[in-house]
Amino acid sequence: MFKKLSLTGFILFLLVAPMVAIKALQISALIAMGKTMVPPPEAVTTAEVREETWRPSLNAVGSFAAVQGVTLASEASGTVSRINFESGAEVAAGAVLVELDTSVEEAQLASALANAELARLNLARAKSLRAQNTNSQSELDSFEAQGKQASAEVKNIRAVIAKRRVTAPFAGRVGIRQVNLGQFLAVGTPIVSLQSLDPIYVNFSLPQQNLSQLSEGLGARVSTDVYPGREFTGQVTAINPDLDAATRSVKLQITLANPAGLLRPGMFGSVSVDLPVADKVLIIPATSVLYAPYGDTVFVVEDGKDAAGVPQKTVRQQFVRLGVTRGDFVAVASGLKLGETIVSAGVFKLRNGVAISVDNSLAPDARIAPTPTDS
């Protein structure tokens, strides 16, 4: 029995041993291949560090306001007898927009005019008699007072009639009317908004540390998401003499030309005030920066060799200190030199010393003033 088991074990050994040997050889070959295998170069795009002259700017968010804007209201009570404007129309200064019923005042005015005419005739007669010394000076004085009183009454009634006509104090565009024909208006009832749109103001604030750099006449650019990719240019026309005690900021005002009326009061926009000095800065595409909590880095392209001595491109990770951003570019304060080549796209898959393959056929189109189509 023991001989049969030994024979069976020997036969099994003869069958399994070659298989184990073959598998061991295969594993050894794979290990050797892994030690000598070199990963393929990473495909990236590159860009050169270049120099440009940038005018530094101060940025803020501003709010548009009309140079002149008011909500017209009734100064007297009465019934609307006529509406002389259409909602959204342009009106001239002094145009009568709404008229209230003045039938009672018109009748009172006719009576007052008659009294004024009678007072004028009596005064003329009294002056003639006084020239002939047939009446007293007190009688003449009485007729003069009556004439002045009658004239004042006429002016008073005409002023009441004028207050029943709502006029445009300045030229501009009216909004949606809030009254109807035949409606009774109390004193102070809102009638319509009137706004002067050209030019238009932009009000914004900047921190107090920027105050020494600011002055009236500085150029400014304003953009709004209402008109993507479009900038409106103007000038700083006013700076508040005092600062906000809560925020320690100074309020400024920009005046913009607005002939087409595209900009409206109440809108907000991004403001950029151009400072009078100009600086030369090194710029790189913003996509070339690898942002991290411990510091921002870029990958500088260098010439190297592989294990076989064949020339190839490698990268060196370099810490940088960044400045202002403008469009698709960012200024570099330190860490790079003019003319150096850096990786502009694909930095997320790189590490220090890795081999790269440059393919700029699909490089992103970086611009100072980008105009995205899907914004």
Protein backbone atom coordinates (compact mmCIF):
# COMPACT_ATOMS: atom_id res chain seq x y z
CA MET A 1 0.00 0.00 0.00
CA PHE A 2 2.83 2.34 0.92
CA LYS A 3 4.56 1.62 -2.38
CA LYS A 4 1.40 2.53 -4.30
CA LEU A 5 1.10 5.91 -2.52
CA SER A 6 4.78 6.73 -3.13
CA LEU A 7 4.40 5.93 -6.78
CA THR A 8 1.33 8.14 -7.07
CA GLY A 9 3.10 11.05 -5.35
CA PHE A 10 6.09 10.69 -7.60
CA ILE A 11 3.89 10.78 -10.70
CA LEU A 12 2.10 13.93 -9.42
CA PHE A 13 5.44 15.60 -8.76
CA LEU A 14 6.56 14.87 -12.30
CA LEU A 15 3.36 16.49 -13.62
CA VAL A 16 3.31 19.62 -11.39
CA ALA A 17 7.00 20.46 -11.24
CA PRO A 18 7.32 21.56 -14.90
CA MET A 19 4.24 23.78 -14.57
CA VAL A 20 5.65 25.48 -11.45
CA ALA A 21 8.99 25.98 -13.17
CA ILE A 22 7.35 27.54 -16.24
CA LYS A 23 5.23 29.93 -14.13
CA ALA A 24 8.30 30.93 -12.09
CA LEU A 25 10.18 31.72 -15.28
CA GLN A 26 7.26 33.82 -16.54
CA ILE A 27 7.05 35.81 -13.30
CA SER A 28 10.81 36.40 -13.33
CA ALA A 29 10.59 37.66 -16.90
CA LEU A 30 7.75 40.05 -16.01
CA ILE A 31 9.69 41.41 -13.03
CA ALA A 32 12.75 42.00 -15.17
CA MET A 33 10.62 43.69 -17.85
CA GLY A 34 9.00 45.97 -15.23
CA LYS A 35 12.41 47.08 -13.97
CA THR A 36 13.56 48.09 -17.44
CA MET A 37 10.22 49.46 -18.75
CA VAL A 38 10.07 53.24 -19.30
CA PRO A 39 6.60 54.93 -19.30
CA PRO A 40 5.71 56.80 -22.50
CA PRO A 41 6.15 60.60 -22.48
CA GLU A 42 3.13 62.66 -21.36
CA ALA A 43 1.54 64.70 -24.17
CA VAL A 44 1.33 68.42 -23.27
CA THR A 45 1.17 71.87 -24.87
CA THR A 46 3.70 74.59 -24.14
CA ALA A 47 4.02 78.37 -24.12
CA GLU A 48 6.82 80.87 -23.66
CA VAL A 49 7.12 83.33 -20.81
CA ARG A 50 6.69 86.71 -22.48
CA GLU A 51 6.81 90.34 -21.43
CA GLU A 52 4.06 92.91 -21.88
CA THR A 53 3.33 96.40 -20.67
CA TRP A 54 0.27 96.35 -18.46
CA ARG A 55 -1.38 99.39 -16.98
CA PRO A 56 -2.32 98.42 -13.44
CA SER A 57 -5.97 98.80 -12.56
CA LEU A 58 -8.24 98.79 -9.52
CA ASN A 59 -11.30 96.58 -9.76
CA ALA A 60 -14.67 96.79 -8.06
CA VAL A 61 -18.38 96.17 -8.56
CA GLY A 62 -20.46 99.25 -9.31
CA SER A 63 -24.10 100.22 -9.67
CA PHE A 64 -25.52 102.32 -12.50
CA ALA A 65 -27.45 105.47 -11.60
CA ALA A 66 -29.16 108.13 -13.70
CA VAL A 67 -27.62 111.59 -13.89
CA GLN A 68 -31.14 112.84 -13.27
CA GLY A 69 -33.96 110.54 -12.22
CA VAL A 70 -37.23 111.14 -10.45
CA THR A 71 -40.66 109.64 -9.93
CA LEU A 72 -43.14 112.36 -10.87
CA ALA A 73 -46.06 112.84 -8.50
CA SER A 74 -49.10 115.06 -8.26
CA GLU A 75 -48.64 118.35 -6.38
CA ALA A 76 -52.40 118.89 -6.12
CA SER A 77 -55.46 116.70 -5.80
CA GLY A 78 -57.89 116.31 -8.67
CA THR A 79 -59.24 114.12 -11.44
CA VAL A 80 -57.04 113.16 -14.40
CA SER A 81 -58.50 114.83 -17.48
CA ARG A 82 -55.71 114.19 -19.99
CA ILE A 83 -52.60 111.98 -20.34
CA ASN A 84 -50.15 113.31 -22.93
CA PHE A 85 -47.48 110.59 -23.03
CA GLU A 86 -47.01 106.92 -23.86
CA SER A 87 -45.18 104.54 -21.54
CA GLY A 88 -41.48 104.26 -22.44
CA ALA A 89 -41.46 107.38 -24.65
CA GLU A 90 -38.80 110.07 -24.83
CA VAL A 91 -40.07 113.43 -23.58
CA ALA A 92 -38.64 116.95 -23.76
CA ALA A 93 -38.01 119.22 -20.81
CA GLY A 94 -41.15 121.15 -19.91
CA ALA A 95 -43.52 118.77 -21.72
CA VAL A 96 -46.95 118.51 -20.06
CA LEU A 97 -47.42 114.84 -19.19
CA VAL A 98 -50.65 114.77 -17.18
CA GLU A 99 -53.42 117.36 -16.76
CA LEU A 100 -55.94 117.40 -13.92
CA ASP A 101 -59.44 118.88 -14.18
CA THR A 102 -59.26 122.70 -13.78
CA SER A 103 -62.83 123.73 -14.68
CA VAL A 104 -63.46 125.29 -11.24
CA GLU A 105 -60.12 127.13 -11.25
CA GLU A 106 -60.72 128.39 -14.82
CA ALA A 107 -64.03 129.94 -13.68
CA GLN A 108 -62.32 131.49 -10.66
CA LEU A 109 -59.59 132.84 -12.94
CA ALA A 110 -62.17 134.55 -15.19
CA SER A 111 -63.70 136.22 -12.17
CA ALA A 112 -60.31 137.28 -10.85
CA LEU A 113 -59.32 138.73 -14.24
CA ALA A 114 -62.53 140.78 -14.30
CA ASN A 115 -61.83 142.09 -10.80
CA ALA A 116 -58.25 142.90 -11.79
CA GLU A 117 -59.44 144.83 -14.85
CA LEU A 118 -61.93 146.79 -12.72
CA ALA A 119 -59.20 147.57 -10.20
CA ARG A 120 -56.95 148.77 -13.01
CA LEU A 121 -59.65 151.14 -14.33
CA ASN A 122 -60.43 152.46 -10.85
CA LEU A 123 -56.74 153.08 -10.22
CA ALA A 124 -56.33 154.94 -13.51
CA ARG A 125 -59.38 157.09 -12.69
CA ALA A 126 -58.10 157.81 -9.19
CA LYS A 127 -54.71 158.87 -10.57
CA SER A 128 -56.43 161.25 -13.00
CA LEU A 129 -58.52 162.81 -10.25
CA ARG A 130 -55.52 163.09 -7.99
CA ALA A 131 -53.69 164.97 -10.73
CA GLN A 132 -56.58 167.47 -10.67
CA ASN A 133 -56.45 167.52 -6.85
CA THR A 134 -60.10 166.45 -6.61
CA ASN A 135 -59.53 163.38 -4.41
CA SER A 136 -57.34 162.58 -1.45
CA GLN A 137 -54.05 160.71 -1.40
CA SER A 138 -55.60 158.03 0.85
CA GLU A 139 -58.21 157.25 -1.81
CA LEU A 140 -55.45 156.80 -4.40
CA ASP A 141 -53.53 154.53 -2.02
CA SER A 142 -56.66 152.44 -1.46
CA PHE A 143 -57.18 151.92 -5.20
CA GLU A 144 -53.51 150.99 -5.65
CA ALA A 145 -53.82 148.36 -2.91
CA GLN A 146 -56.99 146.99 -4.50
CA GLY A 147 -55.18 146.71 -7.83
CA LYS A 148 -52.27 144.82 -6.29
CA GLN A 149 -54.67 142.53 -4.43
CA ALA A 150 -56.59 141.74 -7.61
CA SER A 151 -53.33 141.03 -9.50
CA ALA A 152 -52.11 138.74 -6.72
CA GLU A 153 -55.39 136.81 -6.81
CA VAL A 154 -54.95 136.23 -10.55
CA LYS A 155 -51.39 134.94 -9.99
CA ASN A 156 -52.57 132.67 -7.19
CA ILE A 157 -55.27 131.03 -9.31
CA ARG A 158 -52.85 130.61 -12.22
CA ALA A 159 -50.37 128.93 -9.86
CA VAL A 160 -53.09 126.52 -8.71
CA ILE A 161 -53.90 125.72 -12.35
CA ALA A 162 -50.17 125.19 -13.10
CA LYS A 163 -49.89 122.69 -10.22
CA ARG A 164 -52.63 120.66 -11.88
CA ARG A 165 -50.36 120.15 -14.88
CA VAL A 166 -47.53 117.63 -14.28
CA THR A 167 -44.57 118.58 -16.50
CA ALA A 168 -41.19 116.96 -17.20
CA PRO A 169 -38.49 118.88 -15.28
CA PHE A 170 -35.83 117.59 -17.70
CA ALA A 171 -35.57 115.63 -20.94
CA GLY A 172 -35.48 111.87 -20.58
CA ARG A 173 -37.37 108.61 -20.93
CA VAL A 174 -40.57 107.93 -19.03
CA GLY A 175 -41.43 104.55 -17.59
CA ILE A 176 -44.76 102.78 -17.26
CA ARG A 177 -47.55 105.16 -16.26
CA GLN A 178 -49.24 104.45 -12.95
CA VAL A 179 -52.42 106.50 -13.43
CA ASN A 180 -55.46 106.29 -15.71
CA LEU A 181 -57.82 108.76 -17.32
CA GLY A 182 -60.57 109.80 -14.92
CA GLN A 183 -58.67 108.63 -11.83
CA PHE A 184 -58.77 110.89 -8.77
CA LEU A 185 -55.27 111.71 -7.55
CA ALA A 186 -54.38 112.74 -4.03
CA VAL A 187 -51.39 114.97 -3.34
CA GLY A 188 -48.18 112.97 -3.79
CA THR A 189 -49.68 110.13 -5.86
CA PRO A 190 -46.89 108.62 -8.07
CA ILE A 191 -47.55 109.12 -11.78
CA VAL A 192 -44.52 107.90 -13.77
CA SER A 193 -40.74 107.47 -13.50
CA LEU A 194 -38.58 109.84 -15.57
CA GLN A 195 -34.90 109.02 -16.12
CA SER A 196 -32.18 110.82 -18.05
CA LEU A 197 -30.04 108.02 -19.57
CA ASP A 198 -27.31 109.86 -21.48
CA PRO A 199 -24.84 110.20 -19.88
CA ILE A 200 -25.15 107.73 -17.00
CA TYR A 201 -23.28 107.35 -13.70
CA VAL A 202 -21.61 104.28 -12.18
CA ASN A 203 -21.14 104.43 -8.40
CA PHE A 204 -18.65 102.12 -6.66
CA SER A 205 -16.31 101.95 -3.67
CA LEU A 206 -12.61 101.16 -3.18
CA PRO A 207 -10.58 100.49 0.01
CA GLN A 208 -8.92 103.44 1.70
CA GLN A 209 -5.42 102.15 0.89
CA ASN A 210 -6.08 102.95 -2.78
CA LEU A 211 -7.02 106.58 -2.07
CA SER A 212 -3.53 107.94 -2.82
CA GLN A 213 -3.67 106.40 -6.31
CA LEU A 214 -7.02 107.93 -7.23
CA SER A 215 -7.83 111.24 -8.89
CA GLU A 216 -10.56 112.69 -11.03
CA GLY A 217 -10.04 112.16 -14.76
CA LEU A 218 -8.68 108.61 -14.54
CA GLY A 219 -9.90 106.36 -17.34
CA ALA A 220 -12.27 103.57 -16.44
CA ARG A 221 -13.84 100.55 -18.10
CA VAL A 222 -17.17 99.00 -17.15
CA SER A 223 -18.58 95.65 -18.28
CA THR A 224 -21.88 93.98 -17.46
CA ASP A 225 -23.25 90.50 -18.00
CA VAL A 226 -26.16 92.08 -19.86
CA TYR A 227 -23.76 92.64 -22.81
CA PRO A 228 -21.10 89.87 -22.58
CA GLY A 229 -17.74 90.71 -24.14
CA ARG A 230 -18.50 94.44 -24.41
CA GLU A 231 -16.81 97.22 -22.45
CA PHE A 232 -18.01 100.78 -21.89
CA THR A 233 -15.35 103.44 -21.32
CA GLY A 234 -15.57 106.62 -19.30
CA GLN A 235 -13.79 108.68 -16.65
CA VAL A 236 -13.78 109.07 -12.90
CA THR A 237 -15.66 112.35 -12.41
CA ALA A 238 -16.20 112.49 -8.64
CA ILE A 239 -14.57 111.19 -5.45
CA ASN A 240 -16.30 111.51 -2.10
CA PRO A 241 -14.38 113.77 0.31
CA ASP A 242 -15.23 111.47 3.24
CA LEU A 243 -14.86 107.72 3.79
CA ASP A 244 -17.40 105.24 5.05
CA ALA A 245 -16.66 104.85 8.76
CA ALA A 246 -17.93 101.25 8.79
CA THR A 247 -16.06 99.85 5.78
CA ARG A 248 -13.18 102.36 5.53
CA SER A 249 -13.85 102.69 1.82
CA VAL A 250 -14.16 105.73 -0.45
CA LYS A 251 -17.03 106.15 -2.89
CA LEU A 252 -16.31 107.14 -6.50
CA GLN A 253 -18.39 107.97 -9.54
CA ILE A 254 -17.75 107.27 -13.22
CA THR A 255 -19.55 109.05 -16.05
CA LEU A 256 -20.25 107.01 -19.20
CA ALA A 257 -21.69 108.05 -22.54
CA ASN A 258 -24.92 106.15 -23.18
CA PRO A 259 -26.38 107.49 -26.45
CA ALA A 260 -28.26 104.28 -27.28
CA GLY A 261 -29.70 103.94 -23.79
CA LEU A 262 -28.28 100.42 -23.38
CA LEU A 263 -27.29 100.98 -19.76
CA ARG A 264 -30.10 101.48 -17.25
CA PRO A 265 -30.19 102.77 -13.68
CA GLY A 266 -30.15 99.96 -11.14
CA MET A 267 -27.95 97.61 -13.21
CA PHE A 268 -24.61 96.47 -11.77
CA GLY A 269 -21.31 96.03 -13.57
CA SER A 270 -17.62 95.22 -13.12
CA VAL A 271 -15.52 98.37 -12.86
CA SER A 272 -11.83 98.66 -13.73
CA VAL A 273 -10.06 101.96 -13.06
CA ASP A 274 -6.82 102.37 -15.03
CA LEU A 275 -3.98 103.90 -13.02
CA PRO A 276 -1.70 106.43 -14.75
CA VAL A 277 1.50 104.34 -14.42
CA ALA A 278 2.42 101.43 -16.71
CA ASP A 279 4.48 98.39 -15.67
CA LYS A 280 6.33 95.73 -17.65
CA VAL A 281 5.28 92.29 -16.46
CA LEU A 282 6.06 88.67 -17.31
CA ILE A 283 2.88 86.84 -18.28
CA ILE A 284 1.92 83.19 -18.73
CA PRO A 285 -1.38 81.45 -19.55
CA ALA A 286 -3.46 80.92 -16.43
CA THR A 287 -3.90 77.25 -17.44
CA SER A 288 -0.18 76.64 -16.84
CA VAL A 289 -0.44 77.20 -13.09
CA LEU A 290 -0.89 74.27 -10.70
CA TYR A 291 -2.57 75.78 -7.65
CA ALA A 292 -1.93 74.14 -4.29
CA PRO A 293 -2.20 75.11 -0.59
CA TYR A 294 1.57 74.97 -0.13
CA GLY A 295 2.27 77.24 -3.14
CA ASP A 296 1.57 77.75 -6.82
CA THR A 297 3.85 76.00 -9.30
CA VAL A 298 4.48 75.67 -13.02
CA PHE A 299 6.42 73.08 -15.01
CA VAL A 300 9.44 74.44 -16.91
CA VAL A 301 10.44 72.48 -20.02
CA GLU A 302 14.10 71.36 -20.12
CA ASP A 303 16.28 69.29 -22.42
CA GLY A 304 17.29 65.90 -20.99
CA LYS A 305 18.19 62.32 -21.93
CA ASP A 306 16.57 58.97 -21.32
CA ALA A 307 18.30 55.88 -19.87
CA ALA A 308 19.70 55.03 -23.31
CA GLY A 309 21.13 58.52 -23.76
CA VAL A 310 18.54 59.60 -26.31
CA PRO A 311 17.66 63.34 -26.06
CA GLN A 312 14.16 64.04 -24.76
CA LYS A 313 12.11 66.81 -23.15
CA THR A 314 11.59 66.75 -19.39
CA VAL A 315 9.95 69.12 -16.92
CA ARG A 316 11.08 70.79 -13.73
CA GLN A 317 8.48 71.89 -11.18
CA GLN A 318 9.04 75.54 -10.24
CA PHE A 319 7.38 77.58 -7.49
CA VAL A 320 6.12 80.99 -8.65
CA ARG A 321 4.62 84.10 -7.06
CA LEU A 322 1.72 85.40 -9.11
CA GLY A 323 0.42 88.93 -9.70
CA VAL A 324 -2.75 90.27 -11.24
CA THR A 325 -4.85 88.34 -13.72
CA ARG A 326 -6.05 89.79 -17.00
CA GLY A 327 -8.16 87.74 -19.36
CA ASP A 328 -6.58 84.30 -19.89
CA PHE A 329 -3.17 85.44 -18.63
CA VAL A 330 -1.63 85.92 -15.20
CA ALA A 331 1.39 88.03 -14.30
CA VAL A 332 4.38 86.35 -12.64
CA ALA A 333 6.09 88.40 -9.92
CA SER A 334 8.95 85.93 -9.37
CA GLY A 335 10.08 82.39 -10.19
CA LEU A 336 10.37 82.56 -13.99
CA LYS A 337 12.58 84.28 -16.57
CA LEU A 338 11.71 85.85 -19.89
CA GLY A 339 11.80 83.33 -22.75
CA GLU A 340 11.51 80.19 -20.64
CA THR A 341 9.19 77.51 -21.99
CA ILE A 342 6.52 76.17 -19.67
CA VAL A 343 3.73 73.60 -19.94
CA SER A 344 0.49 75.45 -20.72
CA ALA A 345 -1.96 72.53 -20.63
CA GLY A 346 -1.78 69.11 -19.00
CA VAL A 347 -0.01 70.15 -15.79
CA PHE A 348 -2.32 68.05 -13.61
CA LYS A 349 -0.72 64.78 -14.84
CA LEU A 350 2.94 65.83 -14.46
CA ARG A 351 5.54 65.43 -11.74
CA ASN A 352 9.07 66.65 -11.36
CA GLY A 353 11.47 65.13 -13.95
CA VAL A 354 8.87 63.31 -16.04
CA ALA A 355 9.39 63.02 -19.81
CA ILE A 356 6.98 64.91 -22.07
CA SER A 357 5.91 65.00 -25.67
CA VAL A 358 5.00 68.49 -26.99
CA ASP A 359 1.95 68.82 -29.25
CA ASN A 360 0.79 72.42 -29.69
CA SER A 361 -1.75 71.67 -32.39
CA LEU A 362 -4.53 71.67 -29.77
CA ALA A 363 -3.10 74.45 -27.58
CA PRO A 364 -5.79 76.67 -25.98
CA ASP A 365 -6.14 80.14 -27.50
CA ALA A 366 -5.24 82.43 -24.61
CA ARG A 367 -6.27 86.09 -24.97
CA ILE A 368 -6.00 89.26 -22.92
CA ALA A 369 -9.65 90.07 -23.70
CA PRO A 370 -11.41 86.73 -24.24
CA THR A 371 -14.89 86.61 -25.78
CA PRO A 372 -16.39 83.27 -24.71
CA THR A 373 -19.31 82.15 -26.84
CA ASP A 374 -21.01 80.09 -24.12
CA SER A 375 -21.11 82.73 -21.41
